[in-house]
C-alpha cells in the first residue's frame, strides 16, 4: 500500500484547507456587481463633467493633464469607487450582520481590487479607442454627447469585466469577497 501513500507536501500539510474553486457564474456575478457601481459612477461623472466643465479643471485639466479625458477619469474613479463600496456594503452587511463601520471596512476590503481592476481595463480600452482609433481616424476624440463615445464606453465596460473577472475569482477563492 506504500504506492498509494500521498507524497506531496501539500497533501501532508492539509489539502482540505483550501476553499473550493469559485464557480464561473458566481465569479461573473461578483464582477458584474462591481461593474454596476463602476458603470453608474462613470455615467454620472462623465455627464457631470460635461454639464459643468469646471469640474475637469478642478481635477487637473490644463494644470496636470493636457487631455480633459484624464481629469474626468479621476472623477470617474472617485464616483465608481464610492458607489461600488456602497453597493458592496449593502450586499455584505446584511449577510454577515455587521455594524455600519464593520460593513464599510469589509466592503472596502472586498471591492478595492475589484473596482480598481475594472477601471484599469475600462480606461485602457477607452484610451485605445479614443486615441488609437478615433483621434487617428477622425482627428479628435469622441465627445461625451455623441453615440460614438457611449459605444466606446460599452466596449470599455466589457474590457473592465475581463480585467475584473480574474481578480474577483481570486477574492472569492481567498474568502475576501462573498460569492453571489
N, C-alpha and C. Protein backbone atom coordinates (compact mmCIF):
# COMPACT_ATOMS: atom_id res chain seq x y z
N UNK A 1 0.81 -1.20 0.00
CA UNK A 1 0.00 0.00 0.00
C UNK A 1 0.85 1.27 0.00
N UNK A 2 2.14 1.13 0.14
CA UNK A 2 3.01 2.30 0.13
C UNK A 2 2.92 3.06 -1.18
N UNK A 3 2.53 2.37 -2.25
CA UNK A 3 2.41 3.01 -3.55
C UNK A 3 1.29 4.05 -3.54
N UNK A 4 0.23 3.82 -2.79
CA UNK A 4 -0.91 4.72 -2.74
C UNK A 4 -0.74 5.84 -1.71
N UNK A 5 0.31 5.82 -0.95
CA UNK A 5 0.51 6.84 0.08
C UNK A 5 0.79 8.19 -0.57
N UNK A 6 0.12 9.23 -0.10
CA UNK A 6 0.37 10.56 -0.67
C UNK A 6 1.78 11.02 -0.35
N UNK A 7 2.45 11.59 -1.32
CA UNK A 7 3.84 12.00 -1.13
C UNK A 7 4.02 13.51 -1.26
N UNK A 8 3.06 14.22 -1.78
CA UNK A 8 3.27 15.66 -1.96
C UNK A 8 3.17 16.38 -0.62
N UNK A 9 3.96 17.41 -0.48
CA UNK A 9 3.93 18.21 0.75
C UNK A 9 2.58 18.87 0.98
N UNK A 10 1.91 19.23 -0.10
CA UNK A 10 0.61 19.88 0.04
C UNK A 10 -0.39 18.91 0.68
N UNK A 11 -0.37 17.67 0.27
CA UNK A 11 -1.30 16.68 0.83
C UNK A 11 -1.02 16.49 2.32
N UNK A 12 0.24 16.43 2.67
CA UNK A 12 0.62 16.18 4.06
C UNK A 12 0.27 17.40 4.93
N UNK A 13 0.48 18.62 4.42
CA UNK A 13 0.19 19.83 5.19
C UNK A 13 -1.29 20.05 5.41
N UNK A 14 -2.11 19.48 4.63
CA UNK A 14 -3.54 19.69 4.82
C UNK A 14 -4.23 20.20 3.58
N UNK A 15 -4.50 19.32 2.70
CA UNK A 15 -5.13 19.66 1.44
C UNK A 15 -6.52 20.27 1.64
N UNK A 16 -7.21 19.87 2.68
CA UNK A 16 -8.58 20.33 2.90
C UNK A 16 -8.68 21.78 3.33
N UNK A 17 -7.57 22.48 3.53
CA UNK A 17 -7.63 23.86 3.99
C UNK A 17 -7.95 24.84 2.88
N UNK A 18 -7.81 24.44 1.64
CA UNK A 18 -8.12 25.33 0.53
C UNK A 18 -9.63 25.40 0.33
N UNK A 19 -10.10 26.56 -0.04
CA UNK A 19 -11.53 26.72 -0.33
C UNK A 19 -11.83 26.07 -1.67
N UNK A 20 -13.06 25.62 -1.87
CA UNK A 20 -13.41 25.09 -3.18
C UNK A 20 -13.35 26.18 -4.24
N UNK A 21 -13.06 25.79 -5.44
CA UNK A 21 -12.97 26.76 -6.53
C UNK A 21 -14.31 27.45 -6.73
N UNK A 22 -14.25 28.75 -6.93
CA UNK A 22 -15.48 29.51 -7.17
C UNK A 22 -16.00 29.19 -8.56
N UNK A 23 -17.31 28.99 -8.68
CA UNK A 23 -17.91 28.72 -9.98
C UNK A 23 -17.83 29.95 -10.86
N UNK A 24 -17.76 29.72 -12.15
CA UNK A 24 -17.65 30.83 -13.09
C UNK A 24 -18.85 31.76 -13.01
N UNK A 25 -20.04 31.20 -12.78
CA UNK A 25 -21.24 32.03 -12.66
C UNK A 25 -21.17 32.95 -11.46
N UNK A 26 -20.68 32.42 -10.34
CA UNK A 26 -20.56 33.24 -9.13
C UNK A 26 -19.51 34.33 -9.30
N UNK A 27 -18.44 33.99 -9.98
CA UNK A 27 -17.40 34.99 -10.24
C UNK A 27 -17.94 36.06 -11.19
N UNK A 28 -18.66 35.64 -12.21
CA UNK A 28 -19.24 36.60 -13.16
C UNK A 28 -20.23 37.53 -12.45
N UNK A 29 -21.02 36.98 -11.51
CA UNK A 29 -21.94 37.83 -10.74
C UNK A 29 -21.17 38.83 -9.89
N UNK A 30 -20.08 38.38 -9.26
CA UNK A 30 -19.26 39.28 -8.46
C UNK A 30 -18.65 40.39 -9.30
N UNK A 31 -18.15 40.03 -10.48
CA UNK A 31 -17.57 41.04 -11.37
C UNK A 31 -18.65 41.99 -11.89
N UNK A 32 -19.83 41.45 -12.18
CA UNK A 32 -20.94 42.30 -12.65
C UNK A 32 -21.43 43.23 -11.55
N UNK A 33 -21.44 42.74 -10.32
CA UNK A 33 -21.84 43.57 -9.18
C UNK A 33 -20.88 44.75 -9.05
N UNK A 34 -19.60 44.45 -9.16
CA UNK A 34 -18.58 45.50 -9.15
C UNK A 34 -18.80 46.45 -10.32
N UNK A 35 -19.08 45.88 -11.49
CA UNK A 35 -19.28 46.67 -12.69
C UNK A 35 -20.48 47.58 -12.62
N UNK A 36 -21.50 47.19 -11.87
CA UNK A 36 -22.69 48.04 -11.73
C UNK A 36 -22.32 49.36 -11.08
N UNK A 37 -21.55 49.29 -10.00
CA UNK A 37 -21.11 50.52 -9.34
C UNK A 37 -20.18 51.33 -10.21
N UNK A 38 -19.28 50.64 -10.90
CA UNK A 38 -18.34 51.33 -11.78
C UNK A 38 -19.08 52.02 -12.92
N UNK A 39 -20.01 51.32 -13.53
CA UNK A 39 -20.75 51.89 -14.66
C UNK A 39 -21.57 53.09 -14.24
N UNK A 40 -22.28 52.96 -13.14
CA UNK A 40 -23.09 54.08 -12.66
C UNK A 40 -22.21 55.28 -12.32
N UNK A 41 -21.10 55.04 -11.65
CA UNK A 41 -20.17 56.12 -11.32
C UNK A 41 -19.61 56.79 -12.56
N UNK A 42 -19.26 55.99 -13.56
CA UNK A 42 -18.72 56.54 -14.80
C UNK A 42 -19.75 57.38 -15.55
N UNK A 43 -20.98 56.90 -15.61
CA UNK A 43 -22.03 57.65 -16.31
C UNK A 43 -22.28 58.99 -15.62
N UNK A 44 -22.41 58.96 -14.30
CA UNK A 44 -22.65 60.20 -13.55
C UNK A 44 -21.48 61.17 -13.72
N UNK A 45 -20.26 60.66 -13.60
CA UNK A 45 -19.07 61.51 -13.69
C UNK A 45 -18.93 62.13 -15.07
N UNK A 46 -19.12 61.34 -16.10
CA UNK A 46 -18.96 61.86 -17.47
C UNK A 46 -19.97 62.97 -17.76
N UNK A 47 -21.23 62.76 -17.38
CA UNK A 47 -22.24 63.79 -17.64
C UNK A 47 -22.06 65.00 -16.72
N UNK A 48 -21.61 64.78 -15.49
CA UNK A 48 -21.37 65.91 -14.59
C UNK A 48 -20.26 66.81 -15.14
N UNK A 49 -19.18 66.18 -15.62
CA UNK A 49 -18.07 66.96 -16.18
C UNK A 49 -18.47 67.63 -17.49
N UNK A 50 -19.37 67.00 -18.24
CA UNK A 50 -19.87 67.61 -19.47
C UNK A 50 -20.74 68.83 -19.16
N UNK A 51 -21.61 68.68 -18.16
CA UNK A 51 -22.52 69.77 -17.79
C UNK A 51 -21.80 70.91 -17.08
N UNK A 52 -20.79 70.57 -16.31
CA UNK A 52 -20.03 71.56 -15.53
C UNK A 52 -18.54 71.39 -15.83
N UNK A 53 -18.03 71.97 -16.91
CA UNK A 53 -16.64 71.77 -17.32
C UNK A 53 -15.61 72.18 -16.27
N UNK A 54 -15.99 73.03 -15.34
CA UNK A 54 -15.06 73.44 -14.28
C UNK A 54 -14.61 72.25 -13.45
N UNK A 55 -15.42 71.21 -13.38
CA UNK A 55 -15.05 70.00 -12.63
C UNK A 55 -13.74 69.43 -13.17
N UNK A 56 -13.62 69.35 -14.49
CA UNK A 56 -12.39 68.82 -15.09
C UNK A 56 -11.20 69.71 -14.76
N UNK A 57 -11.41 71.01 -14.73
CA UNK A 57 -10.33 71.94 -14.38
C UNK A 57 -9.91 71.72 -12.93
N UNK A 58 -10.88 71.58 -12.03
CA UNK A 58 -10.58 71.32 -10.62
C UNK A 58 -9.79 70.03 -10.44
N UNK A 59 -10.01 69.07 -11.33
CA UNK A 59 -9.35 67.77 -11.21
C UNK A 59 -8.07 67.68 -12.03
N UNK A 60 -7.58 68.81 -12.52
CA UNK A 60 -6.26 68.83 -13.13
C UNK A 60 -6.18 69.07 -14.62
N UNK A 61 -7.31 69.28 -15.29
CA UNK A 61 -7.26 69.57 -16.72
C UNK A 61 -6.53 70.89 -16.94
N UNK A 62 -5.55 70.88 -17.78
CA UNK A 62 -4.69 72.00 -18.16
C UNK A 62 -3.58 72.29 -17.15
N UNK A 63 -3.72 71.87 -15.89
CA UNK A 63 -2.63 72.08 -14.94
C UNK A 63 -1.80 70.80 -14.77
N UNK A 64 -2.46 69.65 -14.75
CA UNK A 64 -1.77 68.37 -14.64
C UNK A 64 -1.89 67.57 -15.93
N UNK A 65 -3.09 67.56 -16.50
CA UNK A 65 -3.39 66.76 -17.69
C UNK A 65 -3.62 67.65 -18.90
N UNK A 66 -3.00 67.31 -20.01
CA UNK A 66 -3.23 68.04 -21.25
C UNK A 66 -4.56 67.65 -21.89
N UNK A 67 -5.02 66.46 -21.60
CA UNK A 67 -6.28 65.96 -22.15
C UNK A 67 -7.36 65.98 -21.08
N UNK A 68 -8.52 66.50 -21.41
CA UNK A 68 -9.64 66.56 -20.46
C UNK A 68 -10.07 65.17 -19.99
N UNK A 69 -9.99 64.20 -20.87
CA UNK A 69 -10.46 62.85 -20.54
C UNK A 69 -9.76 62.29 -19.30
N UNK A 70 -8.47 62.61 -19.13
CA UNK A 70 -7.73 62.08 -17.98
C UNK A 70 -8.22 62.70 -16.67
N UNK A 71 -8.52 63.98 -16.69
CA UNK A 71 -9.05 64.64 -15.49
C UNK A 71 -10.42 64.07 -15.14
N UNK A 72 -11.23 63.81 -16.15
CA UNK A 72 -12.56 63.25 -15.90
C UNK A 72 -12.44 61.82 -15.37
N UNK A 73 -11.42 61.09 -15.80
CA UNK A 73 -11.22 59.73 -15.27
C UNK A 73 -10.97 59.75 -13.77
N UNK A 74 -10.38 60.82 -13.25
CA UNK A 74 -10.21 60.94 -11.79
C UNK A 74 -11.58 60.94 -11.12
N UNK A 75 -12.49 61.75 -11.65
CA UNK A 75 -13.85 61.78 -11.10
C UNK A 75 -14.56 60.45 -11.33
N UNK A 76 -14.35 59.85 -12.50
CA UNK A 76 -14.93 58.53 -12.77
C UNK A 76 -14.54 57.55 -11.67
N UNK A 77 -13.24 57.53 -11.34
CA UNK A 77 -12.77 56.57 -10.34
C UNK A 77 -13.35 56.88 -8.96
N UNK A 78 -13.37 58.14 -8.59
CA UNK A 78 -13.90 58.51 -7.27
C UNK A 78 -15.35 58.08 -7.13
N UNK A 79 -16.17 58.39 -8.12
CA UNK A 79 -17.59 58.01 -8.05
C UNK A 79 -17.79 56.51 -8.18
N UNK A 80 -17.05 55.87 -9.09
CA UNK A 80 -17.16 54.42 -9.24
C UNK A 80 -16.78 53.72 -7.94
N UNK A 81 -15.72 54.18 -7.31
CA UNK A 81 -15.28 53.57 -6.06
C UNK A 81 -16.32 53.79 -4.96
N UNK A 82 -16.80 55.01 -4.82
CA UNK A 82 -17.79 55.31 -3.79
C UNK A 82 -19.07 54.53 -3.97
N UNK A 83 -19.61 54.53 -5.18
CA UNK A 83 -20.86 53.80 -5.44
C UNK A 83 -20.64 52.30 -5.30
N UNK A 84 -19.51 51.81 -5.79
CA UNK A 84 -19.20 50.38 -5.66
C UNK A 84 -19.11 49.93 -4.22
N UNK A 85 -18.51 50.75 -3.37
CA UNK A 85 -18.40 50.41 -1.95
C UNK A 85 -19.78 50.41 -1.30
N UNK A 86 -20.63 51.37 -1.66
CA UNK A 86 -22.00 51.39 -1.12
C UNK A 86 -22.75 50.13 -1.54
N UNK A 87 -22.66 49.77 -2.82
CA UNK A 87 -23.31 48.54 -3.29
C UNK A 87 -22.79 47.33 -2.52
N UNK A 88 -21.47 47.25 -2.35
CA UNK A 88 -20.89 46.10 -1.66
C UNK A 88 -21.29 46.08 -0.19
N UNK A 89 -21.37 47.27 0.42
CA UNK A 89 -21.80 47.34 1.82
C UNK A 89 -23.19 46.71 1.98
N UNK A 90 -24.11 47.09 1.10
CA UNK A 90 -25.47 46.56 1.21
C UNK A 90 -25.57 45.08 0.85
N UNK A 91 -24.54 44.55 0.20
CA UNK A 91 -24.50 43.10 -0.05
C UNK A 91 -23.88 42.36 1.14
N UNK A 92 -22.84 42.93 1.74
CA UNK A 92 -22.10 42.24 2.80
C UNK A 92 -22.72 42.41 4.18
N UNK A 93 -23.06 43.63 4.55
CA UNK A 93 -23.51 43.91 5.93
C UNK A 93 -24.71 43.05 6.35
N UNK A 94 -25.76 42.93 5.55
CA UNK A 94 -26.89 42.09 6.00
C UNK A 94 -26.53 40.60 6.07
N UNK A 95 -25.69 40.12 5.14
CA UNK A 95 -25.32 38.70 5.14
C UNK A 95 -24.52 38.33 6.38
N UNK A 96 -23.65 39.24 6.80
CA UNK A 96 -22.77 38.95 7.93
C UNK A 96 -23.23 39.59 9.23
N UNK A 97 -24.34 40.32 9.20
CA UNK A 97 -24.88 41.01 10.37
C UNK A 97 -23.81 41.92 11.00
N UNK A 98 -23.28 42.84 10.18
CA UNK A 98 -22.20 43.72 10.61
C UNK A 98 -22.73 45.10 10.97
N UNK A 99 -22.01 45.78 11.85
CA UNK A 99 -22.34 47.18 12.15
C UNK A 99 -21.97 48.03 10.94
N UNK A 100 -22.35 49.30 10.97
CA UNK A 100 -22.05 50.18 9.84
C UNK A 100 -20.55 50.26 9.57
N UNK A 101 -19.76 50.53 10.62
CA UNK A 101 -18.31 50.65 10.46
C UNK A 101 -17.66 49.37 9.97
N UNK A 102 -18.06 48.25 10.57
CA UNK A 102 -17.51 46.96 10.13
C UNK A 102 -17.90 46.66 8.70
N UNK A 103 -19.15 46.98 8.35
CA UNK A 103 -19.63 46.74 7.00
C UNK A 103 -18.88 47.54 5.96
N UNK A 104 -18.64 48.82 6.26
CA UNK A 104 -17.88 49.67 5.33
C UNK A 104 -16.45 49.15 5.20
N UNK A 105 -15.83 48.78 6.32
CA UNK A 105 -14.46 48.26 6.28
C UNK A 105 -14.39 46.99 5.42
N UNK A 106 -15.34 46.09 5.61
CA UNK A 106 -15.35 44.84 4.84
C UNK A 106 -15.66 45.10 3.37
N UNK A 107 -16.52 46.08 3.09
CA UNK A 107 -16.84 46.42 1.71
C UNK A 107 -15.62 46.99 0.99
N UNK A 108 -14.88 47.84 1.69
CA UNK A 108 -13.65 48.40 1.11
C UNK A 108 -12.64 47.29 0.87
N UNK A 109 -12.51 46.40 1.83
CA UNK A 109 -11.58 45.27 1.69
C UNK A 109 -11.98 44.38 0.51
N UNK A 110 -13.27 44.15 0.36
CA UNK A 110 -13.75 43.24 -0.68
C UNK A 110 -13.71 43.84 -2.07
N UNK A 111 -13.88 45.15 -2.19
CA UNK A 111 -14.07 45.72 -3.53
C UNK A 111 -12.95 46.63 -4.03
N UNK A 112 -11.96 46.95 -3.23
CA UNK A 112 -10.91 47.85 -3.69
C UNK A 112 -10.19 47.30 -4.92
N UNK A 113 -9.72 46.07 -4.86
CA UNK A 113 -9.01 45.48 -6.01
C UNK A 113 -9.95 45.23 -7.18
N UNK A 114 -11.17 44.85 -6.87
CA UNK A 114 -12.14 44.56 -7.92
C UNK A 114 -12.47 45.82 -8.71
N UNK A 115 -12.80 46.89 -8.02
CA UNK A 115 -13.12 48.16 -8.68
C UNK A 115 -11.90 48.69 -9.43
N UNK A 116 -10.75 48.64 -8.81
CA UNK A 116 -9.53 49.14 -9.46
C UNK A 116 -9.23 48.37 -10.73
N UNK A 117 -9.37 47.05 -10.69
CA UNK A 117 -9.08 46.26 -11.88
C UNK A 117 -10.10 46.53 -12.99
N UNK A 118 -11.36 46.73 -12.61
CA UNK A 118 -12.39 47.07 -13.61
C UNK A 118 -12.03 48.39 -14.28
N UNK A 119 -11.70 49.40 -13.48
CA UNK A 119 -11.42 50.72 -14.02
C UNK A 119 -10.16 50.71 -14.88
N UNK A 120 -9.15 49.94 -14.50
CA UNK A 120 -7.93 49.85 -15.32
C UNK A 120 -8.26 49.30 -16.70
N UNK A 121 -9.04 48.23 -16.75
CA UNK A 121 -9.44 47.66 -18.04
C UNK A 121 -10.27 48.63 -18.86
N UNK A 122 -11.18 49.31 -18.18
CA UNK A 122 -12.05 50.27 -18.86
C UNK A 122 -11.24 51.45 -19.40
N UNK A 123 -10.36 52.02 -18.57
CA UNK A 123 -9.55 53.16 -19.02
C UNK A 123 -8.63 52.75 -20.17
N UNK A 124 -8.05 51.58 -20.06
CA UNK A 124 -7.16 51.11 -21.12
C UNK A 124 -7.87 51.01 -22.46
N UNK A 125 -9.05 50.41 -22.45
CA UNK A 125 -9.80 50.27 -23.70
C UNK A 125 -10.30 51.62 -24.21
N UNK A 126 -10.74 52.49 -23.30
CA UNK A 126 -11.16 53.83 -23.73
C UNK A 126 -9.99 54.57 -24.37
N UNK A 127 -8.80 54.44 -23.80
CA UNK A 127 -7.63 55.11 -24.37
C UNK A 127 -7.32 54.55 -25.76
N UNK A 128 -7.39 53.23 -25.91
CA UNK A 128 -7.13 52.62 -27.21
C UNK A 128 -8.13 53.12 -28.25
N UNK A 129 -9.41 53.12 -27.88
CA UNK A 129 -10.44 53.54 -28.84
C UNK A 129 -10.36 55.04 -29.11
N UNK A 130 -10.29 55.83 -28.04
CA UNK A 130 -10.32 57.29 -28.21
C UNK A 130 -9.07 57.82 -28.93
N UNK A 131 -7.89 57.39 -28.46
CA UNK A 131 -6.66 57.95 -29.00
C UNK A 131 -6.11 57.14 -30.17
N UNK A 132 -6.22 55.82 -30.08
CA UNK A 132 -5.67 54.97 -31.13
C UNK A 132 -6.56 54.86 -32.35
N UNK A 133 -7.86 55.03 -32.17
CA UNK A 133 -8.77 54.87 -33.30
C UNK A 133 -9.44 56.20 -33.68
N UNK A 134 -10.23 56.75 -32.76
CA UNK A 134 -10.99 57.95 -33.10
C UNK A 134 -10.08 59.12 -33.48
N UNK A 135 -9.08 59.41 -32.67
CA UNK A 135 -8.21 60.54 -32.98
C UNK A 135 -7.43 60.27 -34.26
N UNK A 136 -6.94 59.04 -34.42
CA UNK A 136 -6.16 58.71 -35.62
C UNK A 136 -7.03 58.77 -36.88
N UNK A 137 -8.26 58.30 -36.80
CA UNK A 137 -9.11 58.24 -37.99
C UNK A 137 -9.88 59.53 -38.24
N UNK A 138 -10.30 60.20 -37.17
CA UNK A 138 -11.19 61.35 -37.33
C UNK A 138 -10.59 62.67 -36.85
N UNK A 139 -9.40 62.64 -36.29
CA UNK A 139 -8.73 63.86 -35.88
C UNK A 139 -9.08 64.36 -34.49
N UNK A 140 -9.98 63.69 -33.79
CA UNK A 140 -10.37 64.11 -32.44
C UNK A 140 -10.98 62.92 -31.70
N UNK A 141 -10.99 63.04 -30.38
CA UNK A 141 -11.67 62.01 -29.58
C UNK A 141 -13.17 62.29 -29.63
N UNK A 142 -13.96 61.27 -29.38
CA UNK A 142 -15.42 61.44 -29.39
C UNK A 142 -15.86 62.14 -28.12
N UNK A 143 -16.63 63.22 -28.23
CA UNK A 143 -17.14 63.90 -27.04
C UNK A 143 -18.24 63.09 -26.35
N UNK A 144 -18.48 63.40 -25.09
CA UNK A 144 -19.44 62.66 -24.26
C UNK A 144 -20.84 62.67 -24.85
N UNK A 145 -21.22 63.71 -25.53
CA UNK A 145 -22.60 63.82 -26.02
C UNK A 145 -22.80 63.17 -27.40
N UNK A 146 -21.95 62.21 -27.75
CA UNK A 146 -22.09 61.52 -29.04
C UNK A 146 -22.31 60.03 -28.83
N UNK A 147 -23.01 59.39 -29.75
CA UNK A 147 -23.19 57.93 -29.66
C UNK A 147 -21.86 57.18 -29.75
N UNK A 148 -20.90 57.74 -30.46
CA UNK A 148 -19.59 57.08 -30.58
C UNK A 148 -18.90 56.95 -29.22
N UNK A 149 -19.02 57.98 -28.40
CA UNK A 149 -18.42 57.92 -27.06
C UNK A 149 -19.06 56.79 -26.26
N UNK A 150 -20.38 56.70 -26.29
CA UNK A 150 -21.07 55.71 -25.47
C UNK A 150 -20.91 54.30 -26.03
N UNK A 151 -20.70 54.19 -27.34
CA UNK A 151 -20.35 52.89 -27.91
C UNK A 151 -18.98 52.47 -27.37
N UNK A 152 -18.03 53.41 -27.41
CA UNK A 152 -16.69 53.12 -26.89
C UNK A 152 -16.75 52.75 -25.41
N UNK A 153 -17.60 53.44 -24.66
CA UNK A 153 -17.75 53.14 -23.23
C UNK A 153 -18.29 51.72 -23.03
N UNK A 154 -19.21 51.29 -23.87
CA UNK A 154 -19.74 49.92 -23.75
C UNK A 154 -18.65 48.89 -24.00
N UNK A 155 -17.84 49.12 -25.03
CA UNK A 155 -16.73 48.20 -25.31
C UNK A 155 -15.74 48.23 -24.15
N UNK A 156 -15.49 49.42 -23.61
CA UNK A 156 -14.58 49.56 -22.48
C UNK A 156 -15.11 48.85 -21.24
N UNK A 157 -16.42 48.85 -21.04
CA UNK A 157 -17.01 48.12 -19.91
C UNK A 157 -16.78 46.62 -20.05
N UNK A 158 -16.83 46.10 -21.28
CA UNK A 158 -16.51 44.68 -21.50
C UNK A 158 -15.05 44.40 -21.13
N UNK A 159 -14.17 45.33 -21.47
CA UNK A 159 -12.76 45.17 -21.09
C UNK A 159 -12.61 45.24 -19.57
N UNK A 160 -13.38 46.12 -18.93
CA UNK A 160 -13.37 46.19 -17.47
C UNK A 160 -13.82 44.88 -16.85
N UNK A 161 -14.86 44.28 -17.41
CA UNK A 161 -15.32 42.98 -16.91
C UNK A 161 -14.21 41.94 -17.07
N UNK A 162 -13.54 41.95 -18.21
CA UNK A 162 -12.48 40.98 -18.47
C UNK A 162 -11.32 41.13 -17.49
N UNK A 163 -10.98 42.35 -17.11
CA UNK A 163 -9.88 42.53 -16.16
C UNK A 163 -10.31 42.32 -14.71
N UNK A 164 -11.60 42.53 -14.42
CA UNK A 164 -12.09 42.32 -13.05
C UNK A 164 -12.41 40.86 -12.77
N UNK A 165 -12.69 40.07 -13.79
CA UNK A 165 -13.08 38.68 -13.60
C UNK A 165 -12.02 37.87 -12.84
N UNK A 166 -10.75 37.86 -13.27
CA UNK A 166 -9.76 37.07 -12.52
C UNK A 166 -9.53 37.60 -11.10
N UNK A 167 -9.63 38.90 -10.93
CA UNK A 167 -9.46 39.49 -9.60
C UNK A 167 -10.60 39.04 -8.69
N UNK A 168 -11.84 39.04 -9.21
CA UNK A 168 -12.98 38.58 -8.42
C UNK A 168 -12.88 37.09 -8.11
N UNK A 169 -12.39 36.32 -9.07
CA UNK A 169 -12.18 34.88 -8.82
C UNK A 169 -11.23 34.70 -7.63
N UNK A 170 -10.13 35.45 -7.64
CA UNK A 170 -9.14 35.34 -6.58
C UNK A 170 -9.72 35.81 -5.24
N UNK A 171 -10.44 36.94 -5.24
CA UNK A 171 -11.02 37.46 -4.00
C UNK A 171 -12.05 36.49 -3.40
N UNK A 172 -12.86 35.88 -4.25
CA UNK A 172 -13.84 34.90 -3.77
C UNK A 172 -13.13 33.66 -3.26
N UNK A 173 -12.14 33.20 -3.99
CA UNK A 173 -11.39 31.99 -3.59
C UNK A 173 -10.70 32.19 -2.25
N UNK A 174 -10.18 33.39 -2.01
CA UNK A 174 -9.49 33.67 -0.74
C UNK A 174 -10.46 34.00 0.39
N UNK A 175 -11.75 34.15 0.08
CA UNK A 175 -12.74 34.45 1.11
C UNK A 175 -12.84 35.91 1.47
N UNK A 176 -12.20 36.78 0.69
CA UNK A 176 -12.26 38.22 0.95
C UNK A 176 -13.60 38.77 0.49
N UNK A 177 -14.11 38.24 -0.61
CA UNK A 177 -15.37 38.68 -1.20
C UNK A 177 -16.35 37.51 -1.18
N UNK A 178 -17.62 37.83 -0.92
CA UNK A 178 -18.66 36.80 -0.89
C UNK A 178 -19.01 36.36 -2.30
N UNK A 179 -19.20 35.07 -2.47
CA UNK A 179 -19.73 34.57 -3.74
C UNK A 179 -21.19 34.97 -3.84
N UNK A 180 -21.62 35.36 -5.01
CA UNK A 180 -23.00 35.82 -5.18
C UNK A 180 -23.80 34.82 -5.99
